[in-house]
Amino acid sequence: MKTETQQTFLPDWTVPPGSMLEEKIADMGLTVELMAERTELTLLEARQLLEGEMPLTEAIAVRLEKLTGIRQEVWIGWEQTYRDDLIRLSAAE
């Protein structure tokens, strides 16, 4: 009997959830300024969120769900994966 080995793909890069947010707001025809206003963030906070410099908290995830229609659990999941990947990548250096 042949057994299959499952391999996990672990890239040497990661993408912040802000990257997905940036694409979504562009698809919605929104600017970063409008996204910031509608999510009650300063423009600086919005830009930091898009770059992955500011953590995407549960409170922000709730606001993003209202703005984008993407469930807050999805935003939190993307954030957790991103932060886990950052730790993994820094450990590999």
C-alpha atoms as a PDB file:
ATOM      1  CA  MET A   1       0.000   0.000   0.000  1.00  0.00           C
ATOM      2  CA  LYS A   2       1.326   3.394  -0.988  1.00  0.00           C
ATOM      3  CA  THR A   3       1.164   6.227   1.536  1.00  0.00           C
ATOM      4  CA  GLU A   4       1.083   9.851   0.519  1.00  0.00           C
ATOM      5  CA  THR A   5       3.240  12.465   2.142  1.00  0.00           C
ATOM      6  CA  GLN A   6       1.604  15.814   2.614  1.00  0.00           C
ATOM      7  CA  GLN A   7       3.914  18.778   2.232  1.00  0.00           C
ATOM      8  CA  THR A   8       3.213  22.237   3.521  1.00  0.00           C
ATOM      9  CA  PHE A   9       4.229  25.201   1.408  1.00  0.00           C
ATOM     10  CA  LEU A  10       6.052  27.752   3.541  1.00  0.00           C
ATOM     11  CA  PRO A  11       7.111  30.691   1.386  1.00  0.00           C
ATOM     12  CA  ASP A  12       9.997  32.948   2.329  1.00  0.00           C
ATOM     13  CA  TRP A  13       7.668  35.963   2.126  1.00  0.00           C
ATOM     14  CA  THR A  14       4.395  37.139   3.602  1.00  0.00           C
ATOM     15  CA  VAL A  15       1.621  39.541   2.667  1.00  0.00           C
ATOM     16  CA  PRO A  16      -0.125  41.816   5.173  1.00  0.00           C
ATOM     17  CA  PRO A  17      -3.931  41.774   5.239  1.00  0.00           C
ATOM     18  CA  GLY A  18      -3.694  45.428   4.255  1.00  0.00           C
ATOM     19  CA  SER A  19      -2.683  44.253   0.796  1.00  0.00           C
ATOM     20  CA  MET A  20      -6.048  42.506   0.406  1.00  0.00           C
ATOM     21  CA  LEU A  21      -7.764  45.566   1.871  1.00  0.00           C
ATOM     22  CA  GLU A  22      -6.030  47.832  -0.617  1.00  0.00           C
ATOM     23  CA  GLU A  23      -7.271  45.692  -3.511  1.00  0.00           C
ATOM     24  CA  LYS A  24     -10.797  45.565  -2.092  1.00  0.00           C
ATOM     25  CA  ILE A  25     -11.124  49.310  -1.583  1.00  0.00           C
ATOM     26  CA  ALA A  26      -9.766  49.899  -5.090  1.00  0.00           C
ATOM     27  CA  ASP A  27     -12.400  47.487  -6.444  1.00  0.00           C
ATOM     28  CA  MET A  28     -15.007  49.463  -4.489  1.00  0.00           C
ATOM     29  CA  GLY A  29     -13.760  52.719  -6.010  1.00  0.00           C
ATOM     30  CA  LEU A  30     -12.617  54.091  -2.650  1.00  0.00           C
ATOM     31  CA  THR A  31      -9.493  56.053  -1.879  1.00  0.00           C
ATOM     32  CA  VAL A  32      -7.356  55.449   1.195  1.00  0.00           C
ATOM     33  CA  GLU A  33      -8.698  58.724   2.557  1.00  0.00           C
ATOM     34  CA  LEU A  34     -12.320  57.553   2.228  1.00  0.00           C
ATOM     35  CA  MET A  35     -11.478  54.159   3.705  1.00  0.00           C
ATOM     36  CA  ALA A  36      -9.840  55.891   6.671  1.00  0.00           C
ATOM     37  CA  GLU A  37     -12.837  58.140   7.190  1.00  0.00           C
ATOM     38  CA  ARG A  38     -15.369  55.305   6.964  1.00  0.00           C
ATOM     39  CA  THR A  39     -13.412  53.087   9.364  1.00  0.00           C
ATOM     40  CA  GLU A  40     -12.715  55.919  11.828  1.00  0.00           C
ATOM     41  CA  LEU A  41      -8.943  55.742  11.346  1.00  0.00           C
ATOM     42  CA  THR A  42      -6.560  58.594  10.795  1.00  0.00           C
ATOM     43  CA  LEU A  43      -4.926  58.692   7.387  1.00  0.00           C
ATOM     44  CA  LEU A  44      -1.627  57.680   9.002  1.00  0.00           C
ATOM     45  CA  GLU A  45      -3.275  54.706  10.736  1.00  0.00           C
ATOM     46  CA  ALA A  46      -4.940  53.650   7.475  1.00  0.00           C
ATOM     47  CA  ARG A  47      -1.622  53.727   5.627  1.00  0.00           C
ATOM     48  CA  GLN A  48       0.117  51.820   8.442  1.00  0.00           C
ATOM     49  CA  LEU A  49      -2.667  49.228   8.342  1.00  0.00           C
ATOM     50  CA  LEU A  50      -2.263  48.782   4.593  1.00  0.00           C
ATOM     51  CA  GLU A  51       1.497  48.315   4.998  1.00  0.00           C
ATOM     52  CA  GLY A  52       1.172  45.834   7.869  1.00  0.00           C
ATOM     53  CA  GLU A  53       2.875  48.220  10.280  1.00  0.00           C
ATOM     54  CA  MET A  54      -0.229  48.539  12.456  1.00  0.00           C
ATOM     55  CA  PRO A  55      -1.963  45.399  13.762  1.00  0.00           C
ATOM     56  CA  LEU A  56      -5.475  44.750  12.514  1.00  0.00           C
ATOM     57  CA  THR A  57      -7.418  44.535  15.776  1.00  0.00           C
ATOM     58  CA  GLU A  58     -10.862  43.062  16.365  1.00  0.00           C
ATOM     59  CA  ALA A  59     -12.326  46.571  16.564  1.00  0.00           C
ATOM     60  CA  ILE A  60     -10.857  47.436  13.165  1.00  0.00           C
ATOM     61  CA  ALA A  61     -12.020  44.093  11.756  1.00  0.00           C
ATOM     62  CA  VAL A  62     -15.605  44.943  12.749  1.00  0.00           C
ATOM     63  CA  ARG A  63     -15.346  48.268  10.911  1.00  0.00           C
ATOM     64  CA  LEU A  64     -13.783  46.598   7.877  1.00  0.00           C
ATOM     65  CA  GLU A  65     -16.626  44.081   7.770  1.00  0.00           C
ATOM     66  CA  LYS A  66     -19.127  46.934   7.655  1.00  0.00           C
ATOM     67  CA  LEU A  67     -17.143  48.643   4.914  1.00  0.00           C
ATOM     68  CA  THR A  68     -16.235  45.682   2.716  1.00  0.00           C
ATOM     69  CA  GLY A  69     -18.710  42.923   3.545  1.00  0.00           C
ATOM     70  CA  ILE A  70     -15.807  40.578   4.328  1.00  0.00           C
ATOM     71  CA  ARG A  71     -16.455  38.946   7.700  1.00  0.00           C
ATOM     72  CA  GLN A  72     -14.414  40.132  10.650  1.00  0.00           C
ATOM     73  CA  GLU A  73     -13.241  36.566  11.319  1.00  0.00           C
ATOM     74  CA  VAL A  74     -11.627  36.513   7.890  1.00  0.00           C
ATOM     75  CA  TRP A  75      -9.766  39.761   8.585  1.00  0.00           C
ATOM     76  CA  ILE A  76      -8.594  38.433  11.969  1.00  0.00           C
ATOM     77  CA  GLY A  77      -7.485  35.171  10.352  1.00  0.00           C
ATOM     78  CA  TRP A  78      -5.462  37.005   7.714  1.00  0.00           C
ATOM     79  CA  GLU A  79      -3.884  39.156  10.425  1.00  0.00           C
ATOM     80  CA  GLN A  80      -2.951  36.134  12.549  1.00  0.00           C
ATOM     81  CA  THR A  81      -1.427  34.339   9.560  1.00  0.00           C
ATOM     82  CA  TYR A  82       0.575  37.449   8.680  1.00  0.00           C
ATOM     83  CA  ARG A  83       1.921  37.885  12.228  1.00  0.00           C
ATOM     84  CA  ASP A  84       2.734  34.152  12.490  1.00  0.00           C
ATOM     85  CA  ASP A  85       4.568  34.335   9.159  1.00  0.00           C
ATOM     86  CA  LEU A  86       6.590  37.341  10.359  1.00  0.00           C
ATOM     87  CA  ILE A  87       7.702  35.364  13.414  1.00  0.00           C
ATOM     88  CA  ARG A  88       8.549  32.303  11.317  1.00  0.00           C
ATOM     89  CA  LEU A  89      10.521  34.365   8.811  1.00  0.00           C
ATOM     90  CA  SER A  90      12.479  36.250  11.470  1.00  0.00           C
ATOM     91  CA  ALA A  91      13.353  32.933  13.151  1.00  0.00           C
ATOM     92  CA  ALA A  92      14.658  31.569   9.848  1.00  0.00           C
ATOM     93  CA  GLU A  93      17.158  34.432   9.449  1.00  0.00           C
END
